[in-house]
């Protein structure tokens, strides 16, 4: 049985999650929480390091 990842902010299991960090524990956020938490400048910095689909970037 496959476990679905959940948003670290709201706890929802959604089909598309953004990977925010990959240290010891991988952190995922749904698109809504990701946009609320990080400014446009911060998101650009995060997105430089990760392959994020274009439809999630805006």
PDB file of N, CA and C in Angstrom:
ATOM      1  N   UNK A   1       0.834  -1.172   0.000  1.00  0.00           N
ATOM      2  CA  UNK A   1       0.000   0.000   0.000  1.00  0.00           C
ATOM      3  C   UNK A   1       0.884   1.242   0.000  1.00  0.00           C
ATOM      4  N   UNK A   2       0.575   2.198  -0.872  1.00  0.00           N
ATOM      5  CA  UNK A   2       1.383   3.409  -1.011  1.00  0.00           C
ATOM      6  C   UNK A   2       0.849   4.515  -0.109  1.00  0.00           C
ATOM      7  N   UNK A   3       1.733   5.143   0.657  1.00  0.00           N
ATOM      8  CA  UNK A   3       1.345   6.268   1.490  1.00  0.00           C
ATOM      9  C   UNK A   3       1.428   7.556   0.675  1.00  0.00           C
ATOM     10  N   UNK A   4       0.400   8.364   0.764  1.00  0.00           N
ATOM     11  CA  UNK A   4       0.395   9.646   0.074  1.00  0.00           C
ATOM     12  C   UNK A   4       1.068  10.690   0.954  1.00  0.00           C
ATOM     13  N   UNK A   5       1.815  11.582   0.328  1.00  0.00           N
ATOM     14  CA  UNK A   5       2.418  12.679   1.070  1.00  0.00           C
ATOM     15  C   UNK A   5       1.346  13.703   1.384  1.00  0.00           C
ATOM     16  N   UNK A   6       1.568  14.442   2.455  1.00  0.00           N
ATOM     17  CA  UNK A   6       0.623  15.465   2.884  1.00  0.00           C
ATOM     18  C   UNK A   6       1.315  16.811   2.948  1.00  0.00           C
ATOM     19  N   UNK A   7       0.532  17.856   2.807  1.00  0.00           N
ATOM     20  CA  UNK A   7       1.030  19.223   2.951  1.00  0.00           C
ATOM     21  C   UNK A   7       1.470  19.427   4.398  1.00  0.00           C
ATOM     22  N   UNK A   8       2.659  19.981   4.597  1.00  0.00           N
ATOM     23  CA  UNK A   8       3.167  20.191   5.954  1.00  0.00           C
ATOM     24  C   UNK A   8       2.432  21.317   6.672  1.00  0.00           C
ATOM     25  N   UNK A   9       1.726  22.173   5.944  1.00  0.00           N
ATOM     26  CA  UNK A   9       0.994  23.282   6.553  1.00  0.00           C
ATOM     27  C   UNK A   9      -0.439  22.902   6.915  1.00  0.00           C
ATOM     28  N   UNK A  10      -1.216  22.424   5.948  1.00  0.00           N
ATOM     29  CA  UNK A  10      -2.639  22.163   6.182  1.00  0.00           C
ATOM     30  C   UNK A  10      -2.943  20.682   6.410  1.00  0.00           C
ATOM     31  N   UNK A  11      -1.991  19.795   6.096  1.00  0.00           N
ATOM     32  CA  UNK A  11      -2.175  18.367   6.334  1.00  0.00           C
ATOM     33  C   UNK A  11      -2.997  17.637   5.285  1.00  0.00           C
ATOM     34  N   UNK A  12      -3.411  18.327   4.242  1.00  0.00           N
ATOM     35  CA  UNK A  12      -4.215  17.706   3.197  1.00  0.00           C
ATOM     36  C   UNK A  12      -3.365  16.826   2.291  1.00  0.00           C
ATOM     37  N   UNK A  13      -3.930  15.710   1.854  1.00  0.00           N
ATOM     38  CA  UNK A  13      -3.290  14.865   0.853  1.00  0.00           C
ATOM     39  C   UNK A  13      -3.831  15.310  -0.501  1.00  0.00           C
ATOM     40  N   UNK A  14      -3.031  15.994  -1.253  1.00  0.00           N
ATOM     41  CA  UNK A  14      -3.466  16.513  -2.548  1.00  0.00           C
ATOM     42  C   UNK A  14      -2.621  15.879  -3.641  1.00  0.00           C
ATOM     43  N   UNK A  15      -3.144  15.828  -4.876  1.00  0.00           N
ATOM     44  CA  UNK A  15      -2.410  15.155  -5.952  1.00  0.00           C
ATOM     45  C   UNK A  15      -1.098  15.839  -6.325  1.00  0.00           C
ATOM     46  N   UNK A  16      -1.025  17.168  -6.167  1.00  0.00           N
ATOM     47  CA  UNK A  16       0.196  17.894  -6.521  1.00  0.00           C
ATOM     48  C   UNK A  16       0.706  18.643  -5.302  1.00  0.00           C
ATOM     49  N   UNK A  17       1.930  18.299  -4.908  1.00  0.00           N
ATOM     50  CA  UNK A  17       2.575  18.962  -3.784  1.00  0.00           C
ATOM     51  C   UNK A  17       3.928  19.481  -4.239  1.00  0.00           C
ATOM     52  N   UNK A  18       4.361  20.596  -3.674  1.00  0.00           N
ATOM     53  CA  UNK A  18       5.652  21.184  -3.990  1.00  0.00           C
ATOM     54  C   UNK A  18       6.655  20.762  -2.928  1.00  0.00           C
ATOM     55  N   UNK A  19       7.812  20.269  -3.363  1.00  0.00           N
ATOM     56  CA  UNK A  19       8.864  19.882  -2.421  1.00  0.00           C
ATOM     57  C   UNK A  19       9.611  21.142  -2.018  1.00  0.00           C
ATOM     58  N   UNK A  20       9.607  21.450  -0.723  1.00  0.00           N
ATOM     59  CA  UNK A  20      10.236  22.663  -0.224  1.00  0.00           C
ATOM     60  C   UNK A  20      11.646  22.400   0.267  1.00  0.00           C
ATOM     61  N   UNK A  21      11.882  21.316   0.924  1.00  0.00           N
ATOM     62  CA  UNK A  21      13.208  21.007   1.439  1.00  0.00           C
ATOM     63  C   UNK A  21      13.464  19.524   1.378  1.00  0.00           C
ATOM     64  N   UNK A  22      14.709  19.177   1.278  1.00  0.00           N
ATOM     65  CA  UNK A  22      15.032  17.753   1.241  1.00  0.00           C
ATOM     66  C   UNK A  22      16.262  17.479   2.091  1.00  0.00           C
ATOM     67  N   UNK A  23      16.177  17.842   3.342  1.00  0.00           N
ATOM     68  CA  UNK A  23      17.261  17.534   4.268  1.00  0.00           C
ATOM     69  C   UNK A  23      17.003  16.128   4.802  1.00  0.00           C
ATOM     70  N   UNK A  24      16.973  15.936   6.077  1.00  0.00           N
ATOM     71  CA  UNK A  24      16.677  14.611   6.632  1.00  0.00           C
ATOM     72  C   UNK A  24      15.229  14.227   6.369  1.00  0.00           C
ATOM     73  N   UNK A  25      14.340  15.198   6.413  1.00  0.00           N
ATOM     74  CA  UNK A  25      12.928  14.944   6.164  1.00  0.00           C
ATOM     75  C   UNK A  25      12.482  15.813   4.991  1.00  0.00           C
ATOM     76  N   UNK A  26      11.837  15.210   4.009  1.00  0.00           N
ATOM     77  CA  UNK A  26      11.345  15.958   2.859  1.00  0.00           C
ATOM     78  C   UNK A  26      10.067  16.675   3.274  1.00  0.00           C
ATOM     79  N   UNK A  27       9.992  17.972   2.952  1.00  0.00           N
ATOM     80  CA  UNK A  27       8.837  18.788   3.305  1.00  0.00           C
ATOM     81  C   UNK A  27       8.069  19.114   2.033  1.00  0.00           C
ATOM     82  N   UNK A  28       6.769  18.842   2.051  1.00  0.00           N
ATOM     83  CA  UNK A  28       5.907  19.138   0.915  1.00  0.00           C
ATOM     84  C   UNK A  28       4.834  20.136   1.334  1.00  0.00           C
ATOM     85  N   UNK A  29       4.422  20.974   0.377  1.00  0.00           N
ATOM     86  CA  UNK A  29       3.329  21.915   0.604  1.00  0.00           C
ATOM     87  C   UNK A  29       2.404  21.899  -0.597  1.00  0.00           C
ATOM     88  N   UNK A  30       1.099  22.054  -0.341  1.00  0.00           N
ATOM     89  CA  UNK A  30       0.164  22.198  -1.448  1.00  0.00           C
ATOM     90  C   UNK A  30       0.365  23.583  -2.057  1.00  0.00           C
ATOM     91  N   UNK A  31      -0.135  23.777  -3.246  1.00  0.00           N
ATOM     92  CA  UNK A  31       0.084  25.018  -3.973  1.00  0.00           C
ATOM     93  C   UNK A  31      -0.476  26.228  -3.216  1.00  0.00           C
ATOM     94  N   UNK A  32      -1.646  26.086  -2.601  1.00  0.00           N
ATOM     95  CA  UNK A  32      -2.253  27.205  -1.876  1.00  0.00           C
ATOM     96  C   UNK A  32      -1.394  27.635  -0.684  1.00  0.00           C
ATOM     97  N   UNK A  33      -0.966  26.688   0.129  1.00  0.00           N
ATOM     98  CA  UNK A  33      -0.135  27.001   1.299  1.00  0.00           C
ATOM     99  C   UNK A  33       1.228  27.546   0.874  1.00  0.00           C
ATOM    100  N   UNK A  34       1.785  26.985  -0.185  1.00  0.00           N
ATOM    101  CA  UNK A  34       3.081  27.426  -0.703  1.00  0.00           C
ATOM    102  C   UNK A  34       3.028  28.893  -1.097  1.00  0.00           C
ATOM    103  N   UNK A  35       1.980  29.288  -1.806  1.00  0.00           N
ATOM    104  CA  UNK A  35       1.845  30.682  -2.237  1.00  0.00           C
ATOM    105  C   UNK A  35       1.566  31.618  -1.075  1.00  0.00           C
ATOM    106  N   UNK A  36       0.851  31.153  -0.053  1.00  0.00           N
ATOM    107  CA  UNK A  36       0.572  31.987   1.119  1.00  0.00           C
ATOM    108  C   UNK A  36       1.823  32.218   1.957  1.00  0.00           C
ATOM    109  N   UNK A  37       2.643  31.183   2.081  1.00  0.00           N
ATOM    110  CA  UNK A  37       3.788  31.249   2.995  1.00  0.00           C
ATOM    111  C   UNK A  37       4.990  32.001   2.413  1.00  0.00           C
ATOM    112  N   UNK A  38       5.235  31.855   1.116  1.00  0.00           N
ATOM    113  CA  UNK A  38       6.437  32.425   0.518  1.00  0.00           C
ATOM    114  C   UNK A  38       6.102  33.535  -0.470  1.00  0.00           C
ATOM    115  N   UNK A  39       6.881  34.617  -0.418  1.00  0.00           N
ATOM    116  CA  UNK A  39       6.711  35.721  -1.360  1.00  0.00           C
ATOM    117  C   UNK A  39       7.196  35.282  -2.748  1.00  0.00           C
ATOM    118  N   UNK A  40       6.909  36.100  -3.747  1.00  0.00           N
ATOM    119  CA  UNK A  40       7.354  35.787  -5.112  1.00  0.00           C
ATOM    120  C   UNK A  40       8.861  35.604  -5.181  1.00  0.00           C
ATOM    121  N   UNK A  41       9.611  36.457  -4.480  1.00  0.00           N
ATOM    122  CA  UNK A  41      11.078  36.371  -4.502  1.00  0.00           C
ATOM    123  C   UNK A  41      11.560  35.084  -3.851  1.00  0.00           C
ATOM    124  N   UNK A  42      10.957  34.718  -2.727  1.00  0.00           N
ATOM    125  CA  UNK A  42      11.352  33.483  -2.051  1.00  0.00           C
ATOM    126  C   UNK A  42      11.027  32.261  -2.905  1.00  0.00           C
ATOM    127  N   UNK A  43       9.873  32.273  -3.572  1.00  0.00           N
ATOM    128  CA  UNK A  43       9.502  31.138  -4.424  1.00  0.00           C
ATOM    129  C   UNK A  43      10.475  30.991  -5.584  1.00  0.00           C
ATOM    130  N   UNK A  44      10.929  32.093  -6.159  1.00  0.00           N
ATOM    131  CA  UNK A  44      11.901  32.016  -7.261  1.00  0.00           C
ATOM    132  C   UNK A  44      13.203  31.369  -6.796  1.00  0.00           C
ATOM    133  N   UNK A  45      13.648  31.696  -5.585  1.00  0.00           N
ATOM    134  CA  UNK A  45      14.861  31.090  -5.042  1.00  0.00           C
ATOM    135  C   UNK A  45      14.675  29.585  -4.829  1.00  0.00           C
ATOM    136  N   UNK A  46      13.549  29.201  -4.271  1.00  0.00           N
ATOM    137  CA  UNK A  46      13.268  27.777  -4.044  1.00  0.00           C
ATOM    138  C   UNK A  46      13.198  27.044  -5.376  1.00  0.00           C
ATOM    139  N   UNK A  47      12.512  27.630  -6.347  1.00  0.00           N
ATOM    140  CA  UNK A  47      12.279  26.976  -7.635  1.00  0.00           C
ATOM    141  C   UNK A  47      13.549  26.839  -8.469  1.00  0.00           C
ATOM    142  N   UNK A  48      14.575  27.633  -8.189  1.00  0.00           N
ATOM    143  CA  UNK A  48      15.848  27.479  -8.899  1.00  0.00           C
ATOM    144  C   UNK A  48      16.491  26.135  -8.579  1.00  0.00           C
ATOM    145  N   UNK A  49      16.271  25.652  -7.352  1.00  0.00           N
ATOM    146  CA  UNK A  49      16.910  24.419  -6.887  1.00  0.00           C
ATOM    147  C   UNK A  49      16.115  23.158  -7.163  1.00  0.00           C
ATOM    148  N   UNK A  50      14.848  23.295  -7.531  1.00  0.00           N
ATOM    149  CA  UNK A  50      13.981  22.140  -7.727  1.00  0.00           C
ATOM    150  C   UNK A  50      13.280  22.225  -9.071  1.00  0.00           C
ATOM    151  N   UNK A  51      12.996  21.073  -9.635  1.00  0.00           N
ATOM    152  CA  UNK A  51      12.231  21.002 -10.871  1.00  0.00           C
ATOM    153  C   UNK A  51      10.756  21.038 -10.506  1.00  0.00           C
ATOM    154  N   UNK A  52      10.123  22.192 -10.712  1.00  0.00           N
ATOM    155  CA  UNK A  52       8.730  22.389 -10.361  1.00  0.00           C
ATOM    156  C   UNK A  52       7.970  22.680 -11.640  1.00  0.00           C
ATOM    157  N   UNK A  53       6.871  21.960 -11.887  1.00  0.00           N
ATOM    158  CA  UNK A  53       6.099  22.211 -13.110  1.00  0.00           C
ATOM    159  C   UNK A  53       5.665  23.672 -13.218  1.00  0.00           C
ATOM    160  N   UNK A  54       5.649  24.196 -14.433  1.00  0.00           N
ATOM    161  CA  UNK A  54       5.330  25.605 -14.644  1.00  0.00           C
ATOM    162  C   UNK A  54       3.975  26.008 -14.096  1.00  0.00           C
ATOM    163  N   UNK A  55       2.963  25.133 -14.172  1.00  0.00           N
ATOM    164  CA  UNK A  55       1.640  25.527 -13.724  1.00  0.00           C
ATOM    165  C   UNK A  55       1.579  25.724 -12.197  1.00  0.00           C
ATOM    166  N   UNK A  56       2.559  25.229 -11.458  1.00  0.00           N
ATOM    167  CA  UNK A  56       2.602  25.450 -10.018  1.00  0.00           C
ATOM    168  C   UNK A  56       3.417  26.682  -9.637  1.00  0.00           C
ATOM    169  N   UNK A  57       4.185  27.219 -10.559  1.00  0.00           N
ATOM    170  CA  UNK A  57       5.074  28.329 -10.245  1.00  0.00           C
ATOM    171  C   UNK A  57       4.366  29.672 -10.143  1.00  0.00           C
ATOM    172  N   UNK A  58       3.251  29.855 -10.786  1.00  0.00           N
ATOM    173  CA  UNK A  58       2.590  31.173 -10.807  1.00  0.00           C
ATOM    174  C   UNK A  58       1.527  31.299  -9.780  1.00  0.00           C
TER     175      UNK A  58
END
